[in-house]
Amino acid sequence: MANADLEIFWLSGSPYAWRGLLALEVKQLKYISRLLDASKGEVKAPEYLRLNPRGTVPTLKDGEVIVRESLAIMAYLDRKFPEPSLFGANAQQVAKAWRMISEYLSYAHGPLIRIIEPLYFSRVAEKKSDLLAAVPQVHAELERFQGELADSAWFGGEAVGAADIAIYPFIKSLLRAAAKDEASPLNLGLLPLEERFPQLALWMQRFERVPGYGRTYPPHWRP
């Protein structure tokens, strides 16, 4: 099942790159980790731009095959290494996985980023009104995600899958942003998560017990 040719290029803390790492771990694949350093310009270096002309992460290299963009990487891995399946074993499960991913991208991703980025990059003062406007939208979407977990442990059903992998890194990033000192006076209503969104908190705890999760955790987030 393992493939010694698999290499993944990533940045610490990138939720997009985190998707790729998590997919590899959930699929129980062996891979070579290529952690890049943006501060040294490694994502804009000529040798990396030959792999990914946009200079983004993640990039997966499988022998001569180059796959860019996190969702494309997840789909590629699932087709090439079918077990365990990320997107589902039947048409209904595949449809649910893509519905959840599509709903996240269409309705939740933008509002989450409007909160995360100002807090990560010390731009709260200039972005405060827009950040606060995004808060009720984020709350509404988190409630919807929580509702999806009312009768199942995972967004796809009985096992961790593509929808969980696609969404988890961004909610984890949101909570990290909400824990910053600059967020305290904003009253974001996100922490502690177990009080406001208990089913979502339990889902995150389950995710963090997935084998291999620790290998994917952003190095610069560690104490």
N, C-alpha and C. Protein backbone atom coordinates (compact mmCIF):
# COMPACT_ATOMS: atom_id res chain seq x y z
N MET A 1 0.83 -1.21 0.00
CA MET A 1 0.00 0.00 0.00
C MET A 1 0.87 1.26 0.00
N ALA A 2 2.04 1.16 0.58
CA ALA A 2 2.90 2.34 0.66
C ALA A 2 3.55 2.62 -0.68
N ASN A 3 3.96 3.85 -0.83
CA ASN A 3 4.60 4.25 -2.08
C ASN A 3 5.77 5.15 -1.75
N ALA A 4 6.99 4.62 -1.97
CA ALA A 4 8.19 5.37 -1.59
C ALA A 4 8.39 6.61 -2.44
N ASP A 5 7.66 6.70 -3.58
CA ASP A 5 7.84 7.84 -4.47
C ASP A 5 7.05 9.06 -4.03
N LEU A 6 6.13 8.93 -3.10
CA LEU A 6 5.29 10.05 -2.69
C LEU A 6 6.09 11.08 -1.92
N GLU A 7 6.01 12.33 -2.37
CA GLU A 7 6.62 13.45 -1.65
C GLU A 7 5.57 14.54 -1.52
N ILE A 8 5.51 15.19 -0.37
CA ILE A 8 4.59 16.32 -0.23
C ILE A 8 5.36 17.54 0.25
N PHE A 9 5.14 18.64 -0.41
CA PHE A 9 5.77 19.92 -0.10
C PHE A 9 4.74 20.78 0.62
N TRP A 10 5.13 21.33 1.76
CA TRP A 10 4.15 22.00 2.61
C TRP A 10 4.79 23.09 3.45
N LEU A 11 3.94 23.93 4.04
CA LEU A 11 4.36 24.96 4.99
C LEU A 11 3.69 24.70 6.33
N SER A 12 4.42 24.94 7.40
CA SER A 12 3.86 24.78 8.75
C SER A 12 2.74 25.79 8.96
N GLY A 13 1.58 25.30 9.38
CA GLY A 13 0.46 26.18 9.69
C GLY A 13 -0.48 26.44 8.54
N SER A 14 -0.12 26.03 7.33
CA SER A 14 -1.03 26.19 6.20
C SER A 14 -2.15 25.16 6.31
N PRO A 15 -3.40 25.59 6.46
CA PRO A 15 -4.48 24.61 6.55
C PRO A 15 -4.67 23.83 5.26
N TYR A 16 -4.31 24.43 4.14
CA TYR A 16 -4.39 23.72 2.85
C TYR A 16 -3.38 22.57 2.83
N ALA A 17 -2.15 22.87 3.21
CA ALA A 17 -1.13 21.83 3.26
C ALA A 17 -1.48 20.77 4.29
N TRP A 18 -2.09 21.20 5.39
CA TRP A 18 -2.48 20.25 6.44
C TRP A 18 -3.44 19.20 5.89
N ARG A 19 -4.33 19.61 4.99
CA ARG A 19 -5.23 18.64 4.36
C ARG A 19 -4.44 17.52 3.69
N GLY A 20 -3.41 17.90 2.93
CA GLY A 20 -2.63 16.90 2.22
C GLY A 20 -1.94 15.93 3.15
N LEU A 21 -1.33 16.46 4.21
CA LEU A 21 -0.66 15.61 5.19
C LEU A 21 -1.65 14.66 5.87
N LEU A 22 -2.80 15.19 6.26
CA LEU A 22 -3.81 14.36 6.93
C LEU A 22 -4.31 13.26 6.01
N ALA A 23 -4.50 13.59 4.73
CA ALA A 23 -4.96 12.56 3.79
C ALA A 23 -3.95 11.43 3.69
N LEU A 24 -2.68 11.76 3.62
CA LEU A 24 -1.64 10.73 3.56
C LEU A 24 -1.65 9.85 4.81
N GLU A 25 -1.83 10.48 5.97
CA GLU A 25 -1.83 9.71 7.22
C GLU A 25 -3.09 8.84 7.34
N VAL A 26 -4.24 9.40 7.00
CA VAL A 26 -5.47 8.61 7.08
C VAL A 26 -5.40 7.43 6.11
N LYS A 27 -4.79 7.64 4.94
CA LYS A 27 -4.63 6.56 3.97
C LYS A 27 -3.52 5.59 4.37
N GLN A 28 -2.77 5.93 5.43
CA GLN A 28 -1.68 5.08 5.94
C GLN A 28 -0.61 4.85 4.88
N LEU A 29 -0.27 5.93 4.19
CA LEU A 29 0.74 5.86 3.14
C LEU A 29 2.09 6.36 3.65
N LYS A 30 3.15 5.76 3.16
CA LYS A 30 4.48 6.27 3.45
C LYS A 30 4.78 7.40 2.47
N TYR A 31 5.44 8.42 2.97
CA TYR A 31 5.73 9.56 2.11
C TYR A 31 6.95 10.29 2.64
N ILE A 32 7.55 11.10 1.76
CA ILE A 32 8.67 11.95 2.14
C ILE A 32 8.13 13.34 2.39
N SER A 33 8.38 13.87 3.57
CA SER A 33 7.89 15.20 3.95
C SER A 33 8.91 16.25 3.54
N ARG A 34 8.46 17.25 2.78
CA ARG A 34 9.32 18.35 2.35
C ARG A 34 8.77 19.65 2.94
N LEU A 35 9.18 19.94 4.16
CA LEU A 35 8.74 21.16 4.83
C LEU A 35 9.52 22.35 4.29
N LEU A 36 8.79 23.31 3.72
CA LEU A 36 9.41 24.50 3.16
C LEU A 36 9.42 25.64 4.17
N ASP A 37 10.32 26.58 3.95
CA ASP A 37 10.43 27.75 4.82
C ASP A 37 10.14 28.99 3.99
N ALA A 38 8.95 29.55 4.21
CA ALA A 38 8.56 30.73 3.42
C ALA A 38 9.46 31.92 3.70
N SER A 39 9.96 32.03 4.94
CA SER A 39 10.81 33.17 5.29
C SER A 39 12.13 33.16 4.52
N LYS A 40 12.52 31.99 4.01
CA LYS A 40 13.73 31.87 3.20
C LYS A 40 13.43 31.90 1.71
N GLY A 41 12.16 32.16 1.39
CA GLY A 41 11.78 32.26 -0.01
C GLY A 41 11.68 30.93 -0.74
N GLU A 42 11.56 29.84 0.02
CA GLU A 42 11.62 28.52 -0.62
C GLU A 42 10.42 28.23 -1.51
N VAL A 43 9.26 28.85 -1.21
CA VAL A 43 8.09 28.60 -2.07
C VAL A 43 8.18 29.38 -3.39
N LYS A 44 9.10 30.34 -3.45
CA LYS A 44 9.29 31.11 -4.68
C LYS A 44 10.60 30.75 -5.38
N ALA A 45 11.30 29.75 -4.86
CA ALA A 45 12.57 29.34 -5.47
C ALA A 45 12.29 28.69 -6.83
N PRO A 46 13.17 28.87 -7.80
CA PRO A 46 12.94 28.33 -9.15
C PRO A 46 12.64 26.84 -9.17
N GLU A 47 13.36 26.07 -8.32
CA GLU A 47 13.14 24.62 -8.34
C GLU A 47 11.74 24.25 -7.85
N TYR A 48 11.21 25.05 -6.90
CA TYR A 48 9.84 24.76 -6.45
C TYR A 48 8.82 25.26 -7.45
N LEU A 49 9.06 26.40 -8.06
CA LEU A 49 8.12 26.95 -9.04
C LEU A 49 8.00 26.05 -10.27
N ARG A 50 9.01 25.23 -10.52
CA ARG A 50 8.89 24.27 -11.61
C ARG A 50 7.85 23.20 -11.28
N LEU A 51 7.69 22.91 -9.98
CA LEU A 51 6.67 21.97 -9.54
C LEU A 51 5.32 22.65 -9.41
N ASN A 52 5.33 23.87 -8.88
CA ASN A 52 4.09 24.60 -8.62
C ASN A 52 4.29 26.06 -9.03
N PRO A 53 3.91 26.41 -10.25
CA PRO A 53 4.17 27.77 -10.75
C PRO A 53 3.50 28.86 -9.94
N ARG A 54 2.47 28.55 -9.17
CA ARG A 54 1.83 29.57 -8.33
C ARG A 54 2.59 29.81 -7.02
N GLY A 55 3.51 28.93 -6.70
CA GLY A 55 4.26 29.09 -5.45
C GLY A 55 3.40 28.89 -4.22
N THR A 56 2.45 27.96 -4.31
CA THR A 56 1.55 27.68 -3.19
C THR A 56 1.82 26.27 -2.67
N VAL A 57 1.19 25.95 -1.56
CA VAL A 57 1.26 24.61 -0.99
C VAL A 57 -0.17 24.13 -0.73
N PRO A 58 -0.35 22.80 -0.74
CA PRO A 58 0.65 21.75 -0.90
C PRO A 58 0.88 21.38 -2.36
N THR A 59 1.97 20.68 -2.58
CA THR A 59 2.24 20.03 -3.86
C THR A 59 2.62 18.59 -3.57
N LEU A 60 1.99 17.68 -4.29
CA LEU A 60 2.31 16.25 -4.16
C LEU A 60 3.09 15.82 -5.39
N LYS A 61 4.17 15.10 -5.17
CA LYS A 61 4.97 14.53 -6.26
C LYS A 61 4.93 13.02 -6.12
N ASP A 62 4.43 12.36 -7.15
CA ASP A 62 4.35 10.90 -7.16
C ASP A 62 5.10 10.42 -8.39
N GLY A 63 6.40 10.21 -8.21
CA GLY A 63 7.24 9.89 -9.36
C GLY A 63 7.25 11.06 -10.32
N GLU A 64 6.77 10.86 -11.53
CA GLU A 64 6.73 11.92 -12.53
C GLU A 64 5.44 12.73 -12.49
N VAL A 65 4.49 12.31 -11.66
CA VAL A 65 3.20 12.98 -11.58
C VAL A 65 3.25 14.08 -10.52
N ILE A 66 2.81 15.27 -10.88
CA ILE A 66 2.76 16.40 -9.96
C ILE A 66 1.29 16.77 -9.77
N VAL A 67 0.85 16.85 -8.52
CA VAL A 67 -0.53 17.23 -8.23
C VAL A 67 -0.51 18.44 -7.31
N ARG A 68 -1.20 19.50 -7.71
CA ARG A 68 -1.30 20.71 -6.91
C ARG A 68 -2.74 20.88 -6.43
N GLU A 69 -2.91 21.65 -5.37
CA GLU A 69 -4.20 21.96 -4.75
C GLU A 69 -4.65 20.80 -3.85
N SER A 70 -5.03 21.16 -2.63
CA SER A 70 -5.28 20.16 -1.59
C SER A 70 -6.40 19.19 -1.94
N LEU A 71 -7.52 19.68 -2.48
CA LEU A 71 -8.63 18.79 -2.80
C LEU A 71 -8.27 17.86 -3.95
N ALA A 72 -7.52 18.37 -4.92
CA ALA A 72 -7.06 17.52 -6.02
C ALA A 72 -6.13 16.42 -5.50
N ILE A 73 -5.29 16.76 -4.54
CA ILE A 73 -4.40 15.77 -3.94
C ILE A 73 -5.21 14.69 -3.23
N MET A 74 -6.22 15.10 -2.48
CA MET A 74 -7.06 14.13 -1.79
C MET A 74 -7.74 13.19 -2.78
N ALA A 75 -8.28 13.75 -3.87
CA ALA A 75 -8.96 12.94 -4.88
C ALA A 75 -7.98 11.99 -5.58
N TYR A 76 -6.78 12.49 -5.87
CA TYR A 76 -5.75 11.67 -6.53
C TYR A 76 -5.38 10.48 -5.64
N LEU A 77 -5.10 10.75 -4.38
CA LEU A 77 -4.71 9.68 -3.46
C LEU A 77 -5.82 8.65 -3.31
N ASP A 78 -7.07 9.14 -3.28
CA ASP A 78 -8.18 8.21 -3.08
C ASP A 78 -8.39 7.31 -4.29
N ARG A 79 -8.14 7.83 -5.48
CA ARG A 79 -8.28 7.00 -6.67
C ARG A 79 -7.11 6.02 -6.82
N LYS A 80 -5.91 6.49 -6.50
CA LYS A 80 -4.74 5.61 -6.69
C LYS A 80 -4.62 4.58 -5.58
N PHE A 81 -5.01 4.95 -4.36
CA PHE A 81 -4.93 4.04 -3.21
C PHE A 81 -6.33 3.95 -2.61
N PRO A 82 -7.18 3.07 -3.13
CA PRO A 82 -8.60 3.11 -2.79
C PRO A 82 -8.96 2.82 -1.34
N GLU A 83 -8.10 2.10 -0.62
CA GLU A 83 -8.45 1.73 0.75
C GLU A 83 -7.45 2.30 1.74
N PRO A 84 -7.95 2.84 2.86
CA PRO A 84 -9.35 3.14 3.17
C PRO A 84 -9.83 4.33 2.34
N SER A 85 -11.09 4.29 1.97
CA SER A 85 -11.64 5.33 1.11
C SER A 85 -11.83 6.64 1.88
N LEU A 86 -11.49 7.74 1.24
CA LEU A 86 -11.74 9.06 1.83
C LEU A 86 -13.11 9.60 1.45
N PHE A 87 -13.52 9.34 0.22
CA PHE A 87 -14.73 9.97 -0.29
C PHE A 87 -15.97 9.07 -0.18
N GLY A 88 -15.79 7.82 0.21
CA GLY A 88 -16.95 6.97 0.43
C GLY A 88 -16.96 5.74 -0.46
N ALA A 89 -17.71 4.73 0.00
CA ALA A 89 -17.74 3.45 -0.68
C ALA A 89 -18.90 3.33 -1.66
N ASN A 90 -19.84 4.27 -1.63
CA ASN A 90 -20.97 4.19 -2.55
C ASN A 90 -21.35 5.61 -2.98
N ALA A 91 -22.28 5.69 -3.92
CA ALA A 91 -22.64 6.98 -4.50
C ALA A 91 -23.19 7.95 -3.46
N GLN A 92 -23.97 7.45 -2.53
CA GLN A 92 -24.55 8.32 -1.51
C GLN A 92 -23.48 8.94 -0.63
N GLN A 93 -22.49 8.14 -0.24
CA GLN A 93 -21.41 8.64 0.61
C GLN A 93 -20.54 9.64 -0.14
N VAL A 94 -20.27 9.36 -1.41
CA VAL A 94 -19.47 10.30 -2.22
C VAL A 94 -20.20 11.63 -2.34
N ALA A 95 -21.52 11.55 -2.58
CA ALA A 95 -22.31 12.78 -2.71
C ALA A 95 -22.29 13.58 -1.41
N LYS A 96 -22.39 12.89 -0.27
CA LYS A 96 -22.38 13.61 1.00
C LYS A 96 -21.04 14.27 1.25
N ALA A 97 -19.95 13.55 0.95
CA ALA A 97 -18.61 14.13 1.15
C ALA A 97 -18.45 15.40 0.32
N TRP A 98 -18.85 15.35 -0.96
CA TRP A 98 -18.69 16.53 -1.80
C TRP A 98 -19.68 17.63 -1.44
N ARG A 99 -20.85 17.25 -0.95
CA ARG A 99 -21.79 18.29 -0.49
C ARG A 99 -21.19 19.05 0.69
N MET A 100 -20.65 18.32 1.65
CA MET A 100 -20.08 18.97 2.83
C MET A 100 -18.91 19.87 2.44
N ILE A 101 -18.05 19.38 1.57
CA ILE A 101 -16.90 20.18 1.13
C ILE A 101 -17.39 21.41 0.37
N SER A 102 -18.38 21.23 -0.50
CA SER A 102 -18.89 22.34 -1.28
C SER A 102 -19.57 23.38 -0.40
N GLU A 103 -20.33 22.92 0.59
CA GLU A 103 -20.98 23.87 1.50
C GLU A 103 -19.94 24.64 2.31
N TYR A 104 -18.89 23.93 2.74
CA TYR A 104 -17.83 24.64 3.46
C TYR A 104 -17.24 25.73 2.57
N LEU A 105 -16.88 25.38 1.34
CA LEU A 105 -16.24 26.34 0.45
C LEU A 105 -17.17 27.50 0.09
N SER A 106 -18.45 27.20 -0.10
CA SER A 106 -19.39 28.22 -0.57
C SER A 106 -19.84 29.17 0.53
N TYR A 107 -20.00 28.66 1.75
CA TYR A 107 -20.65 29.45 2.79
C TYR A 107 -19.80 29.74 4.02
N ALA A 108 -18.86 28.86 4.33
CA ALA A 108 -18.10 29.01 5.58
C ALA A 108 -16.68 29.53 5.37
N HIS A 109 -16.05 29.15 4.29
CA HIS A 109 -14.63 29.45 4.13
C HIS A 109 -14.34 30.95 4.16
N GLY A 110 -15.09 31.72 3.38
CA GLY A 110 -14.85 33.16 3.34
C GLY A 110 -14.98 33.83 4.68
N PRO A 111 -16.09 33.61 5.42
CA PRO A 111 -16.22 34.21 6.75
C PRO A 111 -15.12 33.76 7.72
N LEU A 112 -14.73 32.49 7.66
CA LEU A 112 -13.66 32.03 8.55
C LEU A 112 -12.36 32.79 8.27
N ILE A 113 -12.03 32.92 6.99
CA ILE A 113 -10.79 33.61 6.63
C ILE A 113 -10.84 35.07 7.04
N ARG A 114 -12.01 35.70 6.99
CA ARG A 114 -12.14 37.10 7.41
C ARG A 114 -11.88 37.28 8.90
N ILE A 115 -11.98 36.22 9.67
CA ILE A 115 -11.62 36.27 11.09
C ILE A 115 -10.17 35.85 11.30
N ILE A 116 -9.78 34.77 10.65
CA ILE A 116 -8.46 34.20 10.89
C ILE A 116 -7.34 35.14 10.46
N GLU A 117 -7.39 35.64 9.24
CA GLU A 117 -6.24 36.37 8.71
C GLU A 117 -5.94 37.66 9.47
N PRO A 118 -6.92 38.51 9.82
CA PRO A 118 -6.57 39.71 10.59
C PRO A 118 -5.92 39.38 11.93
N LEU A 119 -6.37 38.30 12.57
CA LEU A 119 -5.79 37.93 13.87
C LEU A 119 -4.41 37.32 13.71
N TYR A 120 -4.19 36.59 12.64
CA TYR A 120 -2.87 35.99 12.40
C TYR A 120 -1.83 37.02 12.01
N PHE A 121 -2.27 38.03 11.26
CA PHE A 121 -1.31 38.96 10.65
C PHE A 121 -1.39 40.37 11.22
N SER A 122 -1.92 40.47 12.45
CA SER A 122 -1.95 41.75 13.19
C SER A 122 -2.59 42.88 12.37
N ARG A 123 -3.77 42.58 11.80
CA ARG A 123 -4.48 43.58 11.01
C ARG A 123 -5.88 43.84 11.57
N VAL A 124 -6.04 43.58 12.86
CA VAL A 124 -7.36 43.72 13.47
C VAL A 124 -7.86 45.16 13.39
N ALA A 125 -6.98 46.11 13.64
CA ALA A 125 -7.41 47.52 13.66
C ALA A 125 -8.04 47.93 12.33
N GLU A 126 -7.42 47.57 11.23
CA GLU A 126 -7.94 47.99 9.92
C GLU A 126 -9.07 47.10 9.42
N LYS A 127 -9.20 45.88 9.96
CA LYS A 127 -10.20 44.94 9.47
C LYS A 127 -11.30 44.66 10.49
N LYS A 128 -11.35 45.43 11.56
CA LYS A 128 -12.23 45.09 12.67
C LYS A 128 -13.70 45.00 12.27
N SER A 129 -14.19 45.96 11.53
CA SER A 129 -15.62 45.96 11.19
C SER A 129 -15.97 44.75 10.32
N ASP A 130 -15.13 44.43 9.38
CA ASP A 130 -15.39 43.28 8.53
C ASP A 130 -15.26 41.98 9.32
N LEU A 131 -14.27 41.92 10.20
CA LEU A 131 -14.09 40.74 11.05
C LEU A 131 -15.35 40.49 11.88
N LEU A 132 -15.84 41.53 12.53
CA LEU A 132 -17.02 41.38 13.38
C LEU A 132 -18.26 41.03 12.57
N ALA A 133 -18.34 41.53 11.36
CA ALA A 133 -19.48 41.19 10.50
C ALA A 133 -19.47 39.71 10.12
N ALA A 134 -18.30 39.11 10.10
CA ALA A 134 -18.18 37.70 9.74
C ALA A 134 -18.57 36.77 10.89
N VAL A 135 -18.54 37.27 12.12
CA VAL A 135 -18.76 36.41 13.29
C VAL A 135 -20.11 35.70 13.26
N PRO A 136 -21.24 36.41 13.07
CA PRO A 136 -22.51 35.68 13.05
C PRO A 136 -22.62 34.69 11.90
N GLN A 137 -21.97 34.97 10.79
CA GLN A 137 -21.96 34.01 9.68
C GLN A 137 -21.22 32.74 10.07
N VAL A 138 -20.10 32.92 10.74
CA VAL A 138 -19.32 31.75 11.19
C VAL A 138 -20.12 30.95 12.21
N HIS A 139 -20.76 31.62 13.14
CA HIS A 139 -21.57 30.91 14.13
C HIS A 139 -22.66 30.08 13.45
N ALA A 140 -23.31 30.66 12.46
CA ALA A 140 -24.38 29.95 11.77
C ALA A 140 -23.85 28.71 11.05
N GLU A 141 -22.69 28.84 10.43
CA GLU A 141 -22.13 27.69 9.72
C GLU A 141 -21.64 26.62 10.68
N LEU A 142 -21.06 27.03 11.81
CA LEU A 142 -20.64 26.03 12.80
C LEU A 142 -21.84 25.29 13.36
N GLU A 143 -22.95 25.97 13.53
CA GLU A 143 -24.18 25.30 13.97
C GLU A 143 -24.62 24.27 12.94
N ARG A 144 -24.51 24.61 11.67
CA ARG A 144 -24.87 23.65 10.62
C ARG A 144 -23.95 22.43 10.66
N PHE A 145 -22.65 22.67 10.81
CA PHE A 145 -21.72 21.55 10.90
C PHE A 145 -22.05 20.69 12.11
N GLN A 146 -22.37 21.33 13.21
CA GLN A 146 -22.70 20.59 14.42
C GLN A 146 -23.93 19.71 14.19
N GLY A 147 -24.91 20.24 13.46
CA GLY A 147 -26.09 19.46 13.16
C GLY A 147 -25.78 18.20 12.35
N GLU A 148 -24.76 18.28 11.50
CA GLU A 148 -24.37 17.12 10.70
C GLU A 148 -23.81 16.00 11.58
N LEU A 149 -23.39 16.35 12.80
CA LEU A 149 -22.78 15.36 13.70
C LEU A 149 -23.78 14.82 14.73
N ALA A 150 -25.03 15.18 14.59
CA ALA A 150 -26.03 14.76 15.57
C ALA A 150 -26.18 13.24 15.62
N ASP A 151 -26.06 12.58 14.46
CA ASP A 151 -26.30 11.14 14.39
C ASP A 151 -25.09 10.35 13.91
N SER A 152 -23.94 10.99 13.78
CA SER A 152 -22.75 10.28 13.32
C SER A 152 -21.50 10.92 13.91
N ALA A 153 -20.46 10.12 14.03
CA ALA A 153 -19.21 10.61 14.61
C ALA A 153 -18.42 11.49 13.64
N TRP A 154 -18.64 11.27 12.34
CA TRP A 154 -17.86 11.96 11.31
C TRP A 154 -18.80 12.55 10.28
N PHE A 155 -18.33 13.52 9.53
CA PHE A 155 -19.16 14.15 8.51
C PHE A 155 -19.58 13.16 7.43
N GLY A 156 -18.74 12.15 7.19
CA GLY A 156 -19.09 11.17 6.17
C GLY A 156 -19.79 9.95 6.69
N GLY A 157 -19.90 9.82 8.03
CA GLY A 157 -20.55 8.64 8.58
C GLY A 157 -19.73 7.96 9.64
N GLU A 158 -19.28 6.72 9.38
CA GLU A 158 -18.68 5.89 10.40
C GLU A 158 -17.16 6.05 10.54
N ALA A 159 -16.53 6.67 9.58
CA ALA A 159 -15.06 6.79 9.63
C ALA A 159 -14.64 8.17 9.16
N VAL A 160 -13.46 8.60 9.61
CA VAL A 160 -12.93 9.88 9.18
C VAL A 160 -12.76 9.87 7.66
N GLY A 161 -13.13 10.96 7.00
CA GLY A 161 -13.08 10.97 5.55
C GLY A 161 -12.75 12.34 4.99
N ALA A 162 -13.01 12.50 3.70
CA ALA A 162 -12.59 13.68 2.97
C ALA A 162 -13.18 14.96 3.54
N ALA A 163 -14.47 14.94 3.91
CA ALA A 163 -15.09 16.17 4.42
C ALA A 163 -14.46 16.58 5.74
N ASP A 164 -14.18 15.61 6.60
CA ASP A 164 -13.53 15.93 7.87
C ASP A 164 -12.15 16.53 7.63
N ILE A 165 -11.39 15.92 6.74
CA ILE A 165 -10.03 16.38 6.45
C ILE A 165 -10.06 17.77 5.82
N ALA A 166 -11.04 18.02 4.97
CA ALA A 166 -11.11 19.32 4.29
C ALA A 166 -11.47 20.45 5.23
N ILE A 167 -12.28 20.15 6.25
CA ILE A 167 -12.81 21.20 7.12
C ILE A 167 -12.00 21.39 8.39
N TYR A 168 -11.51 20.31 8.97
CA TYR A 168 -10.85 20.39 10.28
C TYR A 168 -9.73 21.43 10.34
N PRO A 169 -8.77 21.47 9.40
CA PRO A 169 -7.65 22.41 9.57
C PRO A 169 -8.09 23.87 9.68
N PHE A 170 -9.19 24.22 9.03
CA PHE A 170 -9.64 25.61 9.06
C PHE A 170 -10.34 25.94 10.37
N ILE A 171 -11.09 25.00 10.92
CA ILE A 171 -11.70 25.26 12.23
C ILE A 171 -10.62 25.30 13.30
N LYS A 172 -9.62 24.45 13.20
CA LYS A 172 -8.50 24.49 14.16
C LYS A 172 -7.77 25.82 14.05
N SER A 173 -7.59 26.32 12.84
CA SER A 173 -6.94 27.62 12.65
C SER A 173 -7.80 28.74 13.23
N LEU A 174 -9.11 28.63 13.05
CA LEU A 174 -10.03 29.63 13.61
C LEU A 174 -9.91 29.67 15.14
N LEU A 175 -9.86 28.52 15.77
CA LEU A 175 -9.77 28.48 17.24
C LEU A 175 -8.42 29.01 17.71
N ARG A 176 -7.37 28.73 16.96
CA ARG A 176 -6.06 29.28 17.33
C ARG A 176 -6.08 30.80 17.23
N ALA A 177 -6.73 31.32 16.18
CA ALA A 177 -6.85 32.77 16.04
C ALA A 177 -7.67 33.35 17.19
N ALA A 178 -8.75 32.67 17.55
CA ALA A 178 -9.64 33.17 18.62
C ALA A 178 -8.96 33.17 19.98
N ALA A 179 -7.90 32.38 20.14
CA ALA A 179 -7.18 32.32 21.41
C ALA A 179 -6.10 33.39 21.55
N LYS A 180 -5.86 34.14 20.49
CA LYS A 180 -4.84 35.18 20.56
C LYS A 180 -5.30 36.35 21.43
N ASP A 181 -4.34 37.04 22.01
CA ASP A 181 -4.67 38.16 22.90
C ASP A 181 -5.51 39.21 22.20
N GLU A 182 -5.23 39.46 20.93
CA GLU A 182 -5.96 40.49 20.18
C GLU A 182 -7.45 40.15 20.01
N ALA A 183 -7.77 38.85 20.16
CA ALA A 183 -9.16 38.43 19.98
C ALA A 183 -9.99 38.63 21.24
N SER A 184 -9.34 38.74 22.39
CA SER A 184 -10.07 38.80 23.66
C SER A 184 -11.13 39.90 23.71
N PRO A 185 -10.82 41.15 23.32
CA PRO A 185 -11.85 42.20 23.40
C PRO A 185 -12.92 42.12 22.32
N LEU A 186 -12.79 41.20 21.37
CA LEU A 186 -13.72 41.13 20.25
C LEU A 186 -14.97 40.30 20.57
N ASN A 187 -14.89 39.52 21.66
CA ASN A 187 -16.04 38.68 22.07
C ASN A 187 -16.56 37.84 20.91
N LEU A 188 -15.69 36.99 20.39
CA LEU A 188 -16.03 36.19 19.22
C LEU A 188 -17.02 35.07 19.54
N GLY A 189 -17.14 34.69 20.80
CA GLY A 189 -18.09 33.65 21.18
C GLY A 189 -17.74 32.27 20.67
N LEU A 190 -16.46 31.99 20.52
CA LEU A 190 -16.01 30.70 20.01
C LEU A 190 -15.37 29.82 21.06
N LEU A 191 -14.84 30.41 22.10
CA LEU A 191 -14.12 29.67 23.14
C LEU A 191 -14.80 29.83 24.49
N PRO A 192 -14.84 28.75 25.27
CA PRO A 192 -14.43 27.39 24.92
C PRO A 192 -15.42 26.73 23.97
N LEU A 193 -14.92 26.03 22.99
CA LEU A 193 -15.76 25.45 21.94
C LEU A 193 -16.77 24.47 22.52
N GLU A 194 -16.38 23.72 23.55
CA GLU A 194 -17.27 22.69 24.09
C GLU A 194 -18.53 23.26 24.72
N GLU A 195 -18.49 24.54 25.10
CA GLU A 195 -19.69 25.17 25.66
C GLU A 195 -20.63 25.67 24.56
N ARG A 196 -20.08 26.21 23.50
CA ARG A 196 -20.92 26.79 22.45
C ARG A 196 -21.31 25.77 21.38
N PHE A 197 -20.37 24.88 21.05
CA PHE A 197 -20.60 23.89 20.00
C PHE A 197 -20.10 22.52 20.49
N PRO A 198 -20.79 21.89 21.42
CA PRO A 198 -20.26 20.67 22.05
C PRO A 198 -20.04 19.50 21.09
N GLN A 199 -20.94 19.30 20.12
CA GLN A 199 -20.74 18.19 19.19
C GLN A 199 -19.53 18.42 18.30
N LEU A 200 -19.32 19.67 17.93
CA LEU A 200 -18.16 20.01 17.12
C LEU A 200 -16.87 19.80 17.92
N ALA A 201 -16.91 20.15 19.19
CA ALA A 201 -15.74 19.96 20.05
C ALA A 201 -15.41 18.47 20.18
N LEU A 202 -16.42 17.62 20.33
CA LEU A 202 -16.18 16.17 20.42
C LEU A 202 -15.61 15.64 19.10
N TRP A 203 -16.12 16.16 17.99
CA TRP A 203 -15.58 15.76 16.68
C TRP A 203 -14.10 16.11 16.57
N MET A 204 -13.74 17.30 17.02
CA MET A 204 -12.33 17.70 16.95
C MET A 204 -11.47 16.82 17.84
N GLN A 205 -11.98 16.46 19.00
CA GLN A 205 -11.23 15.57 19.88
C GLN A 205 -11.04 14.20 19.23
N ARG A 206 -12.07 13.70 18.57
CA ARG A 206 -11.93 12.42 17.85
C ARG A 206 -10.89 12.55 16.75
N PHE A 207 -10.94 13.65 16.03
CA PHE A 207 -9.99 13.84 14.93
C PHE A 207 -8.56 13.82 15.46
N GLU A 208 -8.34 14.43 16.60
CA GLU A 208 -6.98 14.54 17.13
C GLU A 208 -6.47 13.22 17.72
N ARG A 209 -7.33 12.19 17.71
CA ARG A 209 -6.90 10.85 18.11
C ARG A 209 -6.67 9.94 16.89
N VAL A 210 -6.87 10.47 15.70
CA VAL A 210 -6.64 9.69 14.48
C VAL A 210 -5.15 9.32 14.40
N PRO A 211 -4.81 8.05 14.16
CA PRO A 211 -3.39 7.68 14.05
C PRO A 211 -2.66 8.52 13.02
N GLY A 212 -1.49 9.01 13.42
CA GLY A 212 -0.68 9.84 12.53
C GLY A 212 -0.96 11.32 12.64
N TYR A 213 -2.02 11.71 13.36
CA TYR A 213 -2.36 13.12 13.47
C TYR A 213 -1.17 13.94 13.99
N GLY A 214 -0.49 13.42 15.01
CA GLY A 214 0.61 14.17 15.62
C GLY A 214 1.72 14.50 14.64
N ARG A 215 1.93 13.65 13.65
CA ARG A 215 2.98 13.91 12.65
C ARG A 215 2.62 15.08 11.74
N THR A 216 1.35 15.40 11.67
CA THR A 216 0.90 16.48 10.78
C THR A 216 0.78 17.83 11.48
N TYR A 217 0.86 17.83 12.80
CA TYR A 217 0.60 19.06 13.55
C TYR A 217 1.66 20.11 13.23
N PRO A 218 1.25 21.34 12.96
CA PRO A 218 2.22 22.37 12.54
C PRO A 218 3.37 22.53 13.54
N PRO A 219 4.60 22.34 13.10
CA PRO A 219 5.73 22.41 14.03
C PRO A 219 5.81 23.71 14.81
N HIS A 220 5.51 24.84 14.17
CA HIS A 220 5.68 26.12 14.88
C HIS A 220 4.52 26.40 15.84
N TRP A 221 3.51 25.53 15.86
CA TRP A 221 2.43 25.66 16.85
C TRP A 221 2.77 24.92 18.13
N ARG A 222 3.76 24.06 18.09
CA ARG A 222 4.07 23.25 19.27
C ARG A 222 4.65 24.13 20.37
N PRO A 223 4.38 23.78 21.63
CA PRO A 223 4.93 24.58 22.75
C PRO A 223 6.45 24.66 22.69
